[in-house]
Amino acid sequence: MSARDSGIVISSRVRLARNYDGFVFPSRLDDEGRLKVIEKTENALKSSGEKFGTIRLSDMTDLQAETLKELHMISDDLLRGGKNAAVIVNKSNDICIMVNEEDHLREQCILKGNRLSQAYAKISAVDDGIASAEKIAFDPKLGYLTACPTNVGTGLRASALMFLPGLGMTDSLAKCVSAASRFDMTVRGEYGEGSRSGGYLYQISNQKTLGVSEEEIISSVASAVEQIEQSEILARKALLESNEVMLRDGIMRAYGVLTNAYRLTFKEFEEKFALVKLGVYYGFVSVSDKQAFEGMLDKYRPANMMTHAKKIMNDNERDLYRAANVAAELRSLTA
């Protein structure tokens, strides 16, 4: 199986931190100022050629907020921003702009697969449209001015969410992390700094934003992702060659749990699903619809699952619902 078909790179994200000239940062902005920032952004986006919709925190239910957070569309910092914060999303949900988070604007594009260049092109077009309508805080020497000094310069964070069971199971991940850090890259859990890396999901992103161009950052991250991807393929090969019987047994046991469990926590689902996904890579498990199979991980996250089910559930109810529905869906996809 080629790297392109391996499912190693789950998604690509490019995020730009921007602030309006003449406005203090959101942490010091009063309610009137925050509302003006939302209004300015909505007006600036009208000429973008894309249709956007605004969801204000004051109108957002707790379930809606948690669902968007699970999908990487909003952050905890935005949720702490008070009622006059918002997220502005395009129709296809691949571009979202957090307004009044740490900075006035956190513009981001998330695309499935290894598509950093395309994500950068899409969010750059939106950014150019905003900059043509409103004056952005920019210093000729420092670049874009941001609330956090680590974002000063380009204000750009490029990242890839990667599925790395081979490196994780062969204890080779530490070497990759060490190598990445030498090239100003960082490897974190799925939800960024301080988050856990459940299901062998890791986020690779740039650390440096000052003294480099946006294009250089995209190129460097893309190169790092490619190297890690190749290392993962070699690790999967070594894993198979070292003990195929044990590997196959572990994968099929995980499949057995997912298709027969009466109760299933998300943590256990995430762990077992990672093994079954690895089994699909090796050909131990066949799926009829790869897109539907890949979508199961997000679908059965707690908030997303309740959104799909259209009902609020407690922990125990969620675990029972997840077990029954995962079993039925997985059986239908692997029949």
C-alpha atoms as a PDB file:
ATOM      1  CA  MET A   1       0.000   0.000   0.000  1.00  0.00           C
ATOM      2  CA  SER A   2       1.378   3.426  -0.929  1.00  0.00           C
ATOM      3  CA  ALA A   3       1.881   6.241   1.573  1.00  0.00           C
ATOM      4  CA  ARG A   4      -0.936   8.142  -0.129  1.00  0.00           C
ATOM      5  CA  ASP A   5      -3.380   5.276   0.545  1.00  0.00           C
ATOM      6  CA  SER A   6      -2.110   4.376   4.009  1.00  0.00           C
ATOM      7  CA  GLY A   7      -4.387   6.677   6.026  1.00  0.00           C
ATOM      8  CA  ILE A   8      -1.377   7.930   7.998  1.00  0.00           C
ATOM      9  CA  VAL A   9      -2.139  11.631   7.510  1.00  0.00           C
ATOM     10  CA  ILE A  10      -5.682  12.129   8.770  1.00  0.00           C
ATOM     11  CA  SER A  11      -5.985  15.853   8.121  1.00  0.00           C
ATOM     12  CA  SER A  12      -4.022  19.012   7.351  1.00  0.00           C
ATOM     13  CA  ARG A  13      -4.608  22.331   9.088  1.00  0.00           C
ATOM     14  CA  VAL A  14      -3.288  25.838   8.502  1.00  0.00           C
ATOM     15  CA  ARG A  15      -4.110  28.522  11.053  1.00  0.00           C
ATOM     16  CA  LEU A  16      -3.400  32.254  10.914  1.00  0.00           C
ATOM     17  CA  ALA A  17      -3.416  34.561  13.949  1.00  0.00           C
ATOM     18  CA  ARG A  18      -4.479  38.107  13.085  1.00  0.00           C
ATOM     19  CA  ASN A  19      -5.475  41.280  14.935  1.00  0.00           C
ATOM     20  CA  TYR A  20      -7.142  44.472  13.808  1.00  0.00           C
ATOM     21  CA  ASP A  21      -5.070  47.634  13.948  1.00  0.00           C
ATOM     22  CA  GLY A  22      -6.290  50.139  16.549  1.00  0.00           C
ATOM     23  CA  PHE A  23      -7.930  47.535  18.814  1.00  0.00           C
ATOM     24  CA  VAL A  24      -6.418  46.111  22.013  1.00  0.00           C
ATOM     25  CA  PHE A  25      -6.151  42.323  22.252  1.00  0.00           C
ATOM     26  CA  PRO A  26      -9.349  40.437  23.199  1.00  0.00           C
ATOM     27  CA  SER A  27      -8.222  39.868  26.808  1.00  0.00           C
ATOM     28  CA  ARG A  28      -8.405  43.657  27.341  1.00  0.00           C
ATOM     29  CA  LEU A  29     -11.286  44.415  24.999  1.00  0.00           C
ATOM     30  CA  ASP A  30     -14.657  45.472  26.453  1.00  0.00           C
ATOM     31  CA  ASP A  31     -17.992  44.047  25.288  1.00  0.00           C
ATOM     32  CA  GLU A  32     -18.593  46.879  22.844  1.00  0.00           C
ATOM     33  CA  GLY A  33     -15.169  46.386  21.284  1.00  0.00           C
ATOM     34  CA  ARG A  34     -15.677  42.630  20.998  1.00  0.00           C
ATOM     35  CA  LEU A  35     -18.984  43.136  19.203  1.00  0.00           C
ATOM     36  CA  LYS A  36     -17.280  45.555  16.795  1.00  0.00           C
ATOM     37  CA  VAL A  37     -14.616  42.944  16.013  1.00  0.00           C
ATOM     38  CA  ILE A  38     -17.308  40.372  15.161  1.00  0.00           C
ATOM     39  CA  GLU A  39     -19.137  42.905  12.987  1.00  0.00           C
ATOM     40  CA  LYS A  40     -15.961  43.978  11.167  1.00  0.00           C
ATOM     41  CA  THR A  41     -15.135  40.351  10.405  1.00  0.00           C
ATOM     42  CA  GLU A  42     -18.623  39.551   9.106  1.00  0.00           C
ATOM     43  CA  ASN A  43     -18.523  42.582   6.825  1.00  0.00           C
ATOM     44  CA  ALA A  44     -15.013  41.786   5.576  1.00  0.00           C
ATOM     45  CA  LEU A  45     -16.075  38.271   4.608  1.00  0.00           C
ATOM     46  CA  LYS A  46     -19.047  39.393   2.506  1.00  0.00           C
ATOM     47  CA  SER A  47     -16.819  39.979  -0.526  1.00  0.00           C
ATOM     48  CA  SER A  48     -14.914  36.681  -0.142  1.00  0.00           C
ATOM     49  CA  GLY A  49     -17.063  34.750  -2.615  1.00  0.00           C
ATOM     50  CA  GLU A  50     -17.802  32.109   0.063  1.00  0.00           C
ATOM     51  CA  LYS A  51     -20.941  31.895   2.175  1.00  0.00           C
ATOM     52  CA  PHE A  52     -20.230  32.136   5.888  1.00  0.00           C
ATOM     53  CA  GLY A  53     -22.445  31.753   8.931  1.00  0.00           C
ATOM     54  CA  THR A  54     -21.775  33.155  12.403  1.00  0.00           C
ATOM     55  CA  ILE A  55     -22.350  31.210  15.614  1.00  0.00           C
ATOM     56  CA  ARG A  56     -21.994  33.405  18.692  1.00  0.00           C
ATOM     57  CA  LEU A  57     -21.069  31.844  22.007  1.00  0.00           C
ATOM     58  CA  SER A  58     -24.148  33.448  23.550  1.00  0.00           C
ATOM     59  CA  ASP A  59     -26.318  31.408  21.139  1.00  0.00           C
ATOM     60  CA  MET A  60     -24.333  28.184  21.453  1.00  0.00           C
ATOM     61  CA  THR A  61     -25.540  25.281  23.584  1.00  0.00           C
ATOM     62  CA  ASP A  62     -23.033  23.355  25.688  1.00  0.00           C
ATOM     63  CA  LEU A  63     -23.499  20.338  23.399  1.00  0.00           C
ATOM     64  CA  GLN A  64     -22.916  22.408  20.260  1.00  0.00           C
ATOM     65  CA  ALA A  65     -19.774  23.908  21.781  1.00  0.00           C
ATOM     66  CA  GLU A  66     -18.382  20.500  22.766  1.00  0.00           C
ATOM     67  CA  THR A  67     -19.216  19.074  19.331  1.00  0.00           C
ATOM     68  CA  LEU A  68     -17.340  21.871  17.542  1.00  0.00           C
ATOM     69  CA  LYS A  69     -14.406  21.457  19.929  1.00  0.00           C
ATOM     70  CA  GLU A  70     -14.210  17.710  19.221  1.00  0.00           C
ATOM     71  CA  LEU A  71     -13.996  18.529  15.509  1.00  0.00           C
ATOM     72  CA  HIS A  72     -11.106  20.997  16.093  1.00  0.00           C
ATOM     73  CA  MET A  73     -13.268  23.917  14.944  1.00  0.00           C
ATOM     74  CA  ILE A  74     -13.137  25.866  18.217  1.00  0.00           C
ATOM     75  CA  SER A  75     -10.830  25.895  21.220  1.00  0.00           C
ATOM     76  CA  ASP A  76     -11.063  26.082  24.997  1.00  0.00           C
ATOM     77  CA  ASP A  77      -9.629  29.603  24.763  1.00  0.00           C
ATOM     78  CA  LEU A  78     -12.594  30.661  22.624  1.00  0.00           C
ATOM     79  CA  LEU A  79     -15.049  29.114  25.079  1.00  0.00           C
ATOM     80  CA  ARG A  80     -13.403  31.114  27.860  1.00  0.00           C
ATOM     81  CA  GLY A  81     -13.858  34.293  25.809  1.00  0.00           C
ATOM     82  CA  GLY A  82     -17.313  35.111  27.154  1.00  0.00           C
ATOM     83  CA  LYS A  83     -20.572  35.701  25.350  1.00  0.00           C
ATOM     84  CA  ASN A  84     -19.102  38.126  22.798  1.00  0.00           C
ATOM     85  CA  ALA A  85     -16.895  35.563  21.092  1.00  0.00           C
ATOM     86  CA  ALA A  86     -17.926  33.710  17.947  1.00  0.00           C
ATOM     87  CA  VAL A  87     -16.961  31.244  15.274  1.00  0.00           C
ATOM     88  CA  ILE A  88     -17.624  32.015  11.618  1.00  0.00           C
ATOM     89  CA  VAL A  89     -17.838  28.935   9.388  1.00  0.00           C
ATOM     90  CA  ASN A  90     -18.167  28.406   5.642  1.00  0.00           C
ATOM     91  CA  LYS A  91     -20.765  26.137   4.084  1.00  0.00           C
ATOM     92  CA  SER A  92     -18.427  23.152   3.676  1.00  0.00           C
ATOM     93  CA  ASN A  93     -17.093  23.502   7.253  1.00  0.00           C
ATOM     94  CA  ASP A  94     -13.463  23.381   6.109  1.00  0.00           C
ATOM     95  CA  ILE A  95     -12.834  27.065   6.891  1.00  0.00           C
ATOM     96  CA  CYS A  96     -13.622  28.477  10.299  1.00  0.00           C
ATOM     97  CA  ILE A  97     -12.625  31.728  11.940  1.00  0.00           C
ATOM     98  CA  MET A  98     -12.597  32.034  15.709  1.00  0.00           C
ATOM     99  CA  VAL A  99     -13.324  35.637  16.671  1.00  0.00           C
ATOM    100  CA  ASN A 100     -12.156  37.070  20.016  1.00  0.00           C
ATOM    101  CA  GLU A 101     -10.159  34.047  21.073  1.00  0.00           C
ATOM    102  CA  GLU A 102      -6.563  34.845  22.151  1.00  0.00           C
ATOM    103  CA  ASP A 103      -6.333  37.086  19.069  1.00  0.00           C
ATOM    104  CA  HIS A 104      -9.110  38.952  17.273  1.00  0.00           C
ATOM    105  CA  LEU A 105      -8.995  36.343  14.531  1.00  0.00           C
ATOM    106  CA  ARG A 106      -7.855  32.746  14.375  1.00  0.00           C
ATOM    107  CA  GLU A 107      -8.459  31.854  10.732  1.00  0.00           C
ATOM    108  CA  GLN A 108      -8.079  28.188   9.924  1.00  0.00           C
ATOM    109  CA  CYS A 109      -8.615  25.703   7.135  1.00  0.00           C
ATOM    110  CA  ILE A 110      -8.812  21.967   7.842  1.00  0.00           C
ATOM    111  CA  LEU A 111      -8.764  19.504   4.947  1.00  0.00           C
ATOM    112  CA  LYS A 112      -8.824  15.713   5.061  1.00  0.00           C
ATOM    113  CA  GLY A 113      -5.608  13.923   4.097  1.00  0.00           C
ATOM    114  CA  ASN A 114      -2.152  15.239   3.298  1.00  0.00           C
ATOM    115  CA  ARG A 115      -3.098  18.601   1.753  1.00  0.00           C
ATOM    116  CA  LEU A 116      -1.154  21.333   3.531  1.00  0.00           C
ATOM    117  CA  SER A 117      -0.544  23.371   0.379  1.00  0.00           C
ATOM    118  CA  GLN A 118      -4.229  23.352  -0.541  1.00  0.00           C
ATOM    119  CA  ALA A 119      -5.227  24.303   3.021  1.00  0.00           C
ATOM    120  CA  TYR A 120      -2.743  27.178   2.954  1.00  0.00           C
ATOM    121  CA  ALA A 121      -4.049  28.408  -0.407  1.00  0.00           C
ATOM    122  CA  LYS A 122      -7.658  28.364   0.818  1.00  0.00           C
ATOM    123  CA  ILE A 123      -7.062  30.214   4.082  1.00  0.00           C
ATOM    124  CA  SER A 124      -4.677  32.690   2.406  1.00  0.00           C
ATOM    125  CA  ALA A 125      -7.442  33.720   0.011  1.00  0.00           C
ATOM    126  CA  VAL A 126      -9.769  34.386   2.958  1.00  0.00           C
ATOM    127  CA  ASP A 127      -7.012  36.231   4.828  1.00  0.00           C
ATOM    128  CA  ASP A 128      -6.267  38.422   1.802  1.00  0.00           C
ATOM    129  CA  GLY A 129      -9.943  39.328   1.582  1.00  0.00           C
ATOM    130  CA  ILE A 130     -10.092  40.393   5.218  1.00  0.00           C
ATOM    131  CA  ALA A 131      -6.843  42.374   4.881  1.00  0.00           C
ATOM    132  CA  SER A 132      -8.166  44.215   1.825  1.00  0.00           C
ATOM    133  CA  ALA A 133     -11.261  45.291   3.775  1.00  0.00           C
ATOM    134  CA  GLU A 134      -9.712  46.039   7.188  1.00  0.00           C
ATOM    135  CA  LYS A 135      -6.316  47.190   8.439  1.00  0.00           C
ATOM    136  CA  ILE A 136      -4.448  44.369  10.187  1.00  0.00           C
ATOM    137  CA  ALA A 137      -1.870  44.991  12.948  1.00  0.00           C
ATOM    138  CA  PHE A 138       1.490  44.571  11.226  1.00  0.00           C
ATOM    139  CA  ASP A 139       5.029  45.759  11.969  1.00  0.00           C
ATOM    140  CA  PRO A 140       7.560  46.055   9.084  1.00  0.00           C
ATOM    141  CA  LYS A 141      10.270  44.353  11.174  1.00  0.00           C
ATOM    142  CA  LEU A 142       8.314  41.924  13.347  1.00  0.00           C
ATOM    143  CA  GLY A 143       5.508  40.985  10.977  1.00  0.00           C
ATOM    144  CA  TYR A 144       1.979  40.282  12.230  1.00  0.00           C
ATOM    145  CA  LEU A 145       1.449  41.354  15.841  1.00  0.00           C
ATOM    146  CA  THR A 146      -0.178  38.735  18.047  1.00  0.00           C
ATOM    147  CA  ALA A 147      -1.249  38.342  21.676  1.00  0.00           C
ATOM    148  CA  CYS A 148       1.262  35.537  22.253  1.00  0.00           C
ATOM    149  CA  PRO A 149       4.895  36.348  21.337  1.00  0.00           C
ATOM    150  CA  THR A 150       5.392  32.828  19.936  1.00  0.00           C
ATOM    151  CA  ASN A 151       3.003  33.667  17.074  1.00  0.00           C
ATOM    152  CA  VAL A 152       4.598  36.988  16.109  1.00  0.00           C
ATOM    153  CA  GLY A 153       5.932  37.076  12.541  1.00  0.00           C
ATOM    154  CA  THR A 154       3.854  35.099  10.094  1.00  0.00           C
ATOM    155  CA  GLY A 155       1.266  34.188  12.740  1.00  0.00           C
ATOM    156  CA  LEU A 156       1.060  30.853  10.921  1.00  0.00           C
ATOM    157  CA  ARG A 157       0.754  27.381  12.402  1.00  0.00           C
ATOM    158  CA  ALA A 158       0.709  24.509   9.953  1.00  0.00           C
ATOM    159  CA  SER A 159      -0.042  21.054  11.277  1.00  0.00           C
ATOM    160  CA  ALA A 160      -0.926  17.528  10.254  1.00  0.00           C
ATOM    161  CA  LEU A 161      -2.894  15.062  12.336  1.00  0.00           C
ATOM    162  CA  MET A 162      -1.171  11.696  11.910  1.00  0.00           C
ATOM    163  CA  PHE A 163      -2.078   8.103  12.785  1.00  0.00           C
ATOM    164  CA  LEU A 164       1.168   6.488  13.974  1.00  0.00           C
ATOM    165  CA  PRO A 165       0.551   3.040  15.510  1.00  0.00           C
ATOM    166  CA  GLY A 166       3.686   1.540  13.945  1.00  0.00           C
ATOM    167  CA  LEU A 167       5.993   4.077  15.569  1.00  0.00           C
ATOM    168  CA  GLY A 168       4.039   3.907  18.811  1.00  0.00           C
ATOM    169  CA  MET A 169       4.012   0.114  19.061  1.00  0.00           C
ATOM    170  CA  THR A 170       7.700  -0.286  18.126  1.00  0.00           C
ATOM    171  CA  ASP A 171       8.783   2.392  20.633  1.00  0.00           C
ATOM    172  CA  SER A 172      10.274   4.453  17.795  1.00  0.00           C
ATOM    173  CA  LEU A 173       8.150   7.561  18.308  1.00  0.00           C
ATOM    174  CA  ALA A 174      10.589   9.181  20.752  1.00  0.00           C
ATOM    175  CA  LYS A 175      13.263   9.253  18.038  1.00  0.00           C
ATOM    176  CA  CYS A 176      10.855  10.976  15.635  1.00  0.00           C
ATOM    177  CA  VAL A 177       9.911  13.555  18.278  1.00  0.00           C
ATOM    178  CA  SER A 178      13.578  14.253  18.950  1.00  0.00           C
ATOM    179  CA  ALA A 179      14.344  14.581  15.238  1.00  0.00           C
ATOM    180  CA  ALA A 180      11.327  16.863  14.687  1.00  0.00           C
ATOM    181  CA  SER A 181      12.378  19.210  17.495  1.00  0.00           C
ATOM    182  CA  ARG A 182      15.792  19.703  15.860  1.00  0.00           C
ATOM    183  CA  PHE A 183      13.982  21.107  12.821  1.00  0.00           C
ATOM    184  CA  ASP A 184      11.744  23.468  14.845  1.00  0.00           C
ATOM    185  CA  MET A 185       8.805  21.069  14.711  1.00  0.00           C
ATOM    186  CA  THR A 186       6.761  19.809  17.624  1.00  0.00           C
ATOM    187  CA  VAL A 187       4.804  16.570  18.112  1.00  0.00           C
ATOM    188  CA  ARG A 188       1.783  16.784  20.409  1.00  0.00           C
ATOM    189  CA  GLY A 189      -1.430  14.976  21.220  1.00  0.00           C
ATOM    190  CA  GLU A 190      -4.474  15.237  18.965  1.00  0.00           C
ATOM    191  CA  TYR A 191      -5.769  18.449  20.538  1.00  0.00           C
ATOM    192  CA  GLY A 192      -2.440  20.232  20.797  1.00  0.00           C
ATOM    193  CA  GLU A 193      -0.335  21.214  23.785  1.00  0.00           C
ATOM    194  CA  GLY A 194      -1.040  19.219  26.926  1.00  0.00           C
ATOM    195  CA  SER A 195      -3.530  16.856  25.265  1.00  0.00           C
ATOM    196  CA  ARG A 196      -3.219  13.069  25.328  1.00  0.00           C
ATOM    197  CA  SER A 197      -2.398  11.039  22.235  1.00  0.00           C
ATOM    198  CA  GLY A 198      -5.184   8.458  22.333  1.00  0.00           C
ATOM    199  CA  GLY A 199      -5.511   5.987  19.492  1.00  0.00           C
ATOM    200  CA  TYR A 200      -1.972   6.730  18.252  1.00  0.00           C
ATOM    201  CA  LEU A 201      -3.051  10.157  16.947  1.00  0.00           C
ATOM    202  CA  TYR A 202      -0.418  12.889  16.966  1.00  0.00           C
ATOM    203  CA  GLN A 203      -0.268  16.462  15.741  1.00  0.00           C
ATOM    204  CA  ILE A 204       2.917  17.632  13.984  1.00  0.00           C
ATOM    205  CA  SER A 205       3.340  21.399  13.644  1.00  0.00           C
ATOM    206  CA  ASN A 206       5.880  24.194  13.301  1.00  0.00           C
ATOM    207  CA  GLN A 207       7.294  25.992  16.340  1.00  0.00           C
ATOM    208  CA  LYS A 208       8.949  28.908  14.564  1.00  0.00           C
ATOM    209  CA  THR A 209       6.854  31.767  13.128  1.00  0.00           C
ATOM    210  CA  LEU A 210       9.361  34.633  13.152  1.00  0.00           C
ATOM    211  CA  GLY A 211      12.170  35.068  10.619  1.00  0.00           C
ATOM    212  CA  VAL A 212      10.691  32.657   8.086  1.00  0.00           C
ATOM    213  CA  SER A 213       8.143  33.076   5.318  1.00  0.00           C
ATOM    214  CA  GLU A 214       4.738  31.405   5.229  1.00  0.00           C
ATOM    215  CA  GLU A 215       5.834  29.350   2.238  1.00  0.00           C
ATOM    216  CA  GLU A 216       8.949  28.153   4.085  1.00  0.00           C
ATOM    217  CA  ILE A 217       6.828  27.015   7.029  1.00  0.00           C
ATOM    218  CA  ILE A 218       4.442  25.067   4.802  1.00  0.00           C
ATOM    219  CA  SER A 219       7.372  23.457   2.984  1.00  0.00           C
ATOM    220  CA  SER A 220       9.164  22.536   6.232  1.00  0.00           C
ATOM    221  CA  VAL A 221       6.090  21.002   7.849  1.00  0.00           C
ATOM    222  CA  ALA A 222       5.231  19.108   4.645  1.00  0.00           C
ATOM    223  CA  SER A 223       8.783  17.730   4.555  1.00  0.00           C
ATOM    224  CA  ALA A 224       8.639  16.671   8.220  1.00  0.00           C
ATOM    225  CA  VAL A 225       5.263  14.996   7.671  1.00  0.00           C
ATOM    226  CA  GLU A 226       6.620  13.101   4.666  1.00  0.00           C
ATOM    227  CA  GLN A 227       9.624  11.847   6.651  1.00  0.00           C
ATOM    228  CA  ILE A 228       7.455  10.732   9.577  1.00  0.00           C
ATOM    229  CA  GLU A 229       5.057   9.066   7.138  1.00  0.00           C
ATOM    230  CA  GLN A 230       7.906   7.044   5.613  1.00  0.00           C
ATOM    231  CA  SER A 231       9.165   6.119   9.097  1.00  0.00           C
ATOM    232  CA  GLU A 232       5.673   4.931  10.021  1.00  0.00           C
ATOM    233  CA  ILE A 233       5.475   2.706   6.917  1.00  0.00           C
ATOM    234  CA  LEU A 234       8.850   1.127   7.790  1.00  0.00           C
ATOM    235  CA  ALA A 235       7.731   0.651  11.416  1.00  0.00           C
ATOM    236  CA  ARG A 236       4.530  -1.082  10.262  1.00  0.00           C
ATOM    237  CA  LYS A 237       6.601  -3.401   8.092  1.00  0.00           C
ATOM    238  CA  ALA A 238       8.914  -4.219  11.017  1.00  0.00           C
ATOM    239  CA  LEU A 239       5.922  -4.794  13.276  1.00  0.00           C
ATOM    240  CA  LEU A 240       4.455  -7.309  10.853  1.00  0.00           C
ATOM    241  CA  GLU A 241       7.743  -9.114  10.291  1.00  0.00           C
ATOM    242  CA  SER A 242       8.574  -9.381  14.005  1.00  0.00           C
ATOM    243  CA  ASN A 243       5.469 -11.395  14.968  1.00  0.00           C
ATOM    244  CA  GLU A 244       2.563 -11.517  12.530  1.00  0.00           C
ATOM    245  CA  VAL A 245       0.621 -14.052  14.606  1.00  0.00           C
ATOM    246  CA  MET A 246       0.612 -11.872  17.731  1.00  0.00           C
ATOM    247  CA  LEU A 247      -0.183  -8.759  15.692  1.00  0.00           C
ATOM    248  CA  ARG A 248      -3.077 -10.391  13.854  1.00  0.00           C
ATOM    249  CA  ASP A 249      -4.403 -11.850  17.108  1.00  0.00           C
ATOM    250  CA  GLY A 250      -4.378  -8.432  18.823  1.00  0.00           C
ATOM    251  CA  ILE A 251      -6.168  -6.819  15.893  1.00  0.00           C
ATOM    252  CA  MET A 252      -8.858  -9.498  15.644  1.00  0.00           C
ATOM    253  CA  ARG A 253      -9.421  -9.422  19.414  1.00  0.00           C
ATOM    254  CA  ALA A 254      -9.975  -5.655  19.114  1.00  0.00           C
ATOM    255  CA  TYR A 255     -12.448  -6.294  16.278  1.00  0.00           C
ATOM    256  CA  GLY A 256     -14.196  -8.848  18.496  1.00  0.00           C
ATOM    257  CA  VAL A 257     -14.591  -6.325  21.319  1.00  0.00           C
ATOM    258  CA  LEU A 258     -15.973  -3.625  19.020  1.00  0.00           C
ATOM    259  CA  THR A 259     -18.508  -5.966  17.435  1.00  0.00           C
ATOM    260  CA  ASN A 260     -19.629  -7.663  20.674  1.00  0.00           C
ATOM    261  CA  ALA A 261     -19.183  -5.283  23.614  1.00  0.00           C
ATOM    262  CA  TYR A 262     -22.322  -4.401  25.587  1.00  0.00           C
ATOM    263  CA  ARG A 263     -20.741  -1.244  27.010  1.00  0.00           C
ATOM    264  CA  LEU A 264     -17.970   0.794  25.370  1.00  0.00           C
ATOM    265  CA  THR A 265     -16.249   3.907  26.693  1.00  0.00           C
ATOM    266  CA  PHE A 266     -14.818   6.314  24.144  1.00  0.00           C
ATOM    267  CA  LYS A 267     -11.283   5.639  25.419  1.00  0.00           C
ATOM    268  CA  GLU A 268     -11.661   1.908  24.835  1.00  0.00           C
ATOM    269  CA  PHE A 269     -13.352   2.465  21.474  1.00  0.00           C
ATOM    270  CA  GLU A 270     -10.498   4.763  20.394  1.00  0.00           C
ATOM    271  CA  GLU A 271      -7.858   2.196  21.393  1.00  0.00           C
ATOM    272  CA  LYS A 272      -9.588  -0.793  19.777  1.00  0.00           C
ATOM    273  CA  PHE A 273     -10.575   1.152  16.667  1.00  0.00           C
ATOM    274  CA  ALA A 274      -6.904   2.112  16.137  1.00  0.00           C
ATOM    275  CA  LEU A 275      -5.982  -1.584  16.045  1.00  0.00           C
ATOM    276  CA  VAL A 276      -8.817  -2.449  13.646  1.00  0.00           C
ATOM    277  CA  LYS A 277      -7.755   0.442  11.423  1.00  0.00           C
ATOM    278  CA  LEU A 278      -4.243  -0.998  11.397  1.00  0.00           C
ATOM    279  CA  GLY A 279      -5.822  -4.331  10.467  1.00  0.00           C
ATOM    280  CA  VAL A 280      -7.457  -2.662   7.453  1.00  0.00           C
ATOM    281  CA  TYR A 281      -4.035  -1.380   6.393  1.00  0.00           C
ATOM    282  CA  TYR A 282      -2.556  -4.892   6.547  1.00  0.00           C
ATOM    283  CA  GLY A 283      -5.552  -6.450   4.838  1.00  0.00           C
ATOM    284  CA  PHE A 284      -6.553  -8.490   7.888  1.00  0.00           C
ATOM    285  CA  VAL A 285      -9.914  -6.670   7.888  1.00  0.00           C
ATOM    286  CA  SER A 286     -11.798  -5.605   4.754  1.00  0.00           C
ATOM    287  CA  VAL A 287     -14.186  -2.632   4.719  1.00  0.00           C
ATOM    288  CA  SER A 288     -16.754  -1.872   2.022  1.00  0.00           C
ATOM    289  CA  ASP A 289     -16.781   1.909   2.533  1.00  0.00           C
ATOM    290  CA  LYS A 290     -13.452   3.341   3.698  1.00  0.00           C
ATOM    291  CA  GLN A 291     -14.801   6.881   4.106  1.00  0.00           C
ATOM    292  CA  ALA A 292     -17.625   5.708   6.380  1.00  0.00           C
ATOM    293  CA  PHE A 293     -15.175   3.545   8.331  1.00  0.00           C
ATOM    294  CA  GLU A 294     -12.724   6.439   8.822  1.00  0.00           C
ATOM    295  CA  GLY A 295     -15.605   8.675   9.921  1.00  0.00           C
ATOM    296  CA  MET A 296     -16.527   6.391  12.817  1.00  0.00           C
ATOM    297  CA  LEU A 297     -13.867   7.843  15.109  1.00  0.00           C
ATOM    298  CA  ASP A 298     -15.378  11.335  15.089  1.00  0.00           C
ATOM    299  CA  LYS A 299     -18.934  10.039  14.914  1.00  0.00           C
ATOM    300  CA  TYR A 300     -18.651   8.223  18.248  1.00  0.00           C
ATOM    301  CA  ARG A 301     -16.928  10.964  20.217  1.00  0.00           C
ATOM    302  CA  PRO A 302     -19.206  11.852  23.166  1.00  0.00           C
ATOM    303  CA  ALA A 303     -20.640  15.184  21.970  1.00  0.00           C
ATOM    304  CA  ASN A 304     -20.752  14.274  18.289  1.00  0.00           C
ATOM    305  CA  MET A 305     -22.531  11.044  19.115  1.00  0.00           C
ATOM    306  CA  MET A 306     -25.222  12.855  21.102  1.00  0.00           C
ATOM    307  CA  THR A 307     -25.583  15.360  18.271  1.00  0.00           C
ATOM    308  CA  HIS A 308     -26.135  12.520  15.775  1.00  0.00           C
ATOM    309  CA  ALA A 309     -28.506  10.760  18.183  1.00  0.00           C
ATOM    310  CA  LYS A 310     -30.336  14.051  18.862  1.00  0.00           C
ATOM    311  CA  LYS A 311     -30.497  13.412  22.584  1.00  0.00           C
ATOM    312  CA  ILE A 312     -28.528  14.143  25.736  1.00  0.00           C
ATOM    313  CA  MET A 313     -27.124  11.072  27.495  1.00  0.00           C
ATOM    314  CA  ASN A 314     -25.204  10.476  30.706  1.00  0.00           C
ATOM    315  CA  ASP A 315     -21.903   8.569  30.701  1.00  0.00           C
ATOM    316  CA  ASN A 316     -23.471   5.138  31.096  1.00  0.00           C
ATOM    317  CA  GLU A 317     -26.131   5.778  28.443  1.00  0.00           C
ATOM    318  CA  ARG A 318     -23.449   6.959  26.018  1.00  0.00           C
ATOM    319  CA  ASP A 319     -21.336   3.859  26.595  1.00  0.00           C
ATOM    320  CA  LEU A 320     -24.310   1.548  25.965  1.00  0.00           C
ATOM    321  CA  TYR A 321     -25.401   3.500  22.882  1.00  0.00           C
ATOM    322  CA  ARG A 322     -21.849   3.559  21.504  1.00  0.00           C
ATOM    323  CA  ALA A 323     -21.393  -0.196  21.957  1.00  0.00           C
ATOM    324  CA  ALA A 324     -24.630  -1.088  20.188  1.00  0.00           C
ATOM    325  CA  ASN A 325     -24.151   1.309  17.287  1.00  0.00           C
ATOM    326  CA  VAL A 326     -20.432   0.678  16.765  1.00  0.00           C
ATOM    327  CA  ALA A 327     -21.104  -3.082  16.646  1.00  0.00           C
ATOM    328  CA  ALA A 328     -23.899  -2.690  14.103  1.00  0.00           C
ATOM    329  CA  GLU A 329     -22.012  -0.237  11.891  1.00  0.00           C
ATOM    330  CA  LEU A 330     -18.705  -2.115  11.964  1.00  0.00           C
ATOM    331  CA  ARG A 331     -20.410  -5.403  11.140  1.00  0.00           C
ATOM    332  CA  SER A 332     -22.195  -3.815   8.172  1.00  0.00           C
ATOM    333  CA  LEU A 333     -18.952  -2.278   6.866  1.00  0.00           C
ATOM    334  CA  THR A 334     -16.976  -5.510   7.175  1.00  0.00           C
ATOM    335  CA  ALA A 335     -19.644  -7.993   6.078  1.00  0.00           C
END
